[in-house]
Amino acid sequence: MSPAGRLLLNRRLVQAPVDAIDYVITHELCHVAEPHHGAAFFELLDKVKPDWERRKQRLERAMA
């Protein structure tokens, strides 16, 4: 999320698996409630997307 509250996505994301795209969008939407990557952010991400770490790894492999 930008400081102005706009959701910005990398164009290369369209090449990623759908579950990885879902992770990125969920991650960014969590920033609406928790702007920084602190403990509260990761608690929220764990709550809404419990398998986020697996999805993030898949994204990183796809974008390498």
C-alpha atoms as a PDB file:
ATOM      1  CA  MET A   1       0.000   0.000   0.000  1.00  0.00           C
ATOM      2  CA  SER A   2       1.250   3.453  -0.793  1.00  0.00           C
ATOM      3  CA  PRO A   3       1.289   6.126   1.932  1.00  0.00           C
ATOM      4  CA  ALA A   4      -1.785   7.565   0.178  1.00  0.00           C
ATOM      5  CA  GLY A   5      -3.619   4.246   0.569  1.00  0.00           C
ATOM      6  CA  ARG A   6      -3.332   3.054  -3.036  1.00  0.00           C
ATOM      7  CA  LEU A   7      -2.792  -0.622  -3.737  1.00  0.00           C
ATOM      8  CA  LEU A   8       0.141  -0.915  -6.135  1.00  0.00           C
ATOM      9  CA  LEU A   9       1.121  -4.237  -7.716  1.00  0.00           C
ATOM     10  CA  ASN A  10       4.181  -5.175  -9.745  1.00  0.00           C
ATOM     11  CA  ARG A  11       3.326  -5.963 -13.367  1.00  0.00           C
ATOM     12  CA  ARG A  12       5.363  -9.175 -13.202  1.00  0.00           C
ATOM     13  CA  LEU A  13       2.886 -10.501 -10.658  1.00  0.00           C
ATOM     14  CA  VAL A  14       0.662 -11.748 -13.495  1.00  0.00           C
ATOM     15  CA  GLN A  15       3.317 -14.416 -14.123  1.00  0.00           C
ATOM     16  CA  ALA A  16       2.982 -15.818 -10.595  1.00  0.00           C
ATOM     17  CA  PRO A  17       0.762 -18.716  -9.519  1.00  0.00           C
ATOM     18  CA  VAL A  18      -2.732 -17.648  -8.474  1.00  0.00           C
ATOM     19  CA  ASP A  19      -2.213 -18.625  -4.821  1.00  0.00           C
ATOM     20  CA  ALA A  20       0.912 -16.449  -4.725  1.00  0.00           C
ATOM     21  CA  ILE A  21      -1.011 -13.516  -6.209  1.00  0.00           C
ATOM     22  CA  ASP A  22      -3.656 -14.045  -3.539  1.00  0.00           C
ATOM     23  CA  TYR A  23      -0.912 -13.859  -0.897  1.00  0.00           C
ATOM     24  CA  VAL A  24       0.421 -10.546  -2.276  1.00  0.00           C
ATOM     25  CA  ILE A  25      -3.019  -8.945  -2.357  1.00  0.00           C
ATOM     26  CA  THR A  26      -3.821 -10.201   1.147  1.00  0.00           C
ATOM     27  CA  HIS A  27      -0.444  -8.948   2.395  1.00  0.00           C
ATOM     28  CA  GLU A  28      -1.076  -5.505   0.957  1.00  0.00           C
ATOM     29  CA  LEU A  29      -4.633  -5.335   2.294  1.00  0.00           C
ATOM     30  CA  CYS A  30      -3.331  -6.182   5.776  1.00  0.00           C
ATOM     31  CA  HIS A  31      -1.323  -2.974   5.502  1.00  0.00           C
ATOM     32  CA  VAL A  32      -4.610  -1.041   5.566  1.00  0.00           C
ATOM     33  CA  ALA A  33      -5.002  -2.047   9.215  1.00  0.00           C
ATOM     34  CA  GLU A  34      -1.294  -2.409  10.082  1.00  0.00           C
ATOM     35  CA  PRO A  35       0.992  -0.134   8.039  1.00  0.00           C
ATOM     36  CA  HIS A  36       4.292  -1.595   9.248  1.00  0.00           C
ATOM     37  CA  HIS A  37       5.739  -5.103   9.374  1.00  0.00           C
ATOM     38  CA  GLY A  38       5.491  -5.354  13.138  1.00  0.00           C
ATOM     39  CA  ALA A  39       4.116  -8.136  15.300  1.00  0.00           C
ATOM     40  CA  ALA A  40       0.512  -6.919  14.895  1.00  0.00           C
ATOM     41  CA  PHE A  41       0.839  -7.065  11.102  1.00  0.00           C
ATOM     42  CA  PHE A  42       2.035 -10.675  11.144  1.00  0.00           C
ATOM     43  CA  GLU A  43      -0.638 -11.660  13.669  1.00  0.00           C
ATOM     44  CA  LEU A  44      -3.268 -10.298  11.299  1.00  0.00           C
ATOM     45  CA  LEU A  45      -1.693 -11.970   8.268  1.00  0.00           C
ATOM     46  CA  ASP A  46      -1.558 -15.288  10.170  1.00  0.00           C
ATOM     47  CA  LYS A  47      -5.229 -14.909  11.039  1.00  0.00           C
ATOM     48  CA  VAL A  48      -6.489 -14.173   7.526  1.00  0.00           C
ATOM     49  CA  LYS A  49      -4.016 -16.308   5.550  1.00  0.00           C
ATOM     50  CA  PRO A  50      -2.550 -19.034   7.801  1.00  0.00           C
ATOM     51  CA  ASP A  51      -0.495 -20.536   4.955  1.00  0.00           C
ATOM     52  CA  TRP A  52       0.999 -17.211   3.869  1.00  0.00           C
ATOM     53  CA  GLU A  53       4.594 -18.374   4.340  1.00  0.00           C
ATOM     54  CA  ARG A  54       4.156 -21.248   1.871  1.00  0.00           C
ATOM     55  CA  ARG A  55       2.542 -18.880  -0.614  1.00  0.00           C
ATOM     56  CA  LYS A  56       5.334 -16.336  -0.160  1.00  0.00           C
ATOM     57  CA  GLN A  57       7.964 -19.000  -0.844  1.00  0.00           C
ATOM     58  CA  ARG A  58       6.109 -20.047  -3.984  1.00  0.00           C
ATOM     59  CA  LEU A  59       6.004 -16.415  -5.114  1.00  0.00           C
ATOM     60  CA  GLU A  60       9.732 -15.987  -4.507  1.00  0.00           C
ATOM     61  CA  ARG A  61      10.515 -19.133  -6.527  1.00  0.00           C
ATOM     62  CA  ALA A  62       8.261 -18.008  -9.382  1.00  0.00           C
ATOM     63  CA  MET A  63       9.779 -14.526  -9.508  1.00  0.00           C
ATOM     64  CA  ALA A  64      13.435 -15.655  -9.272  1.00  0.00           C
END
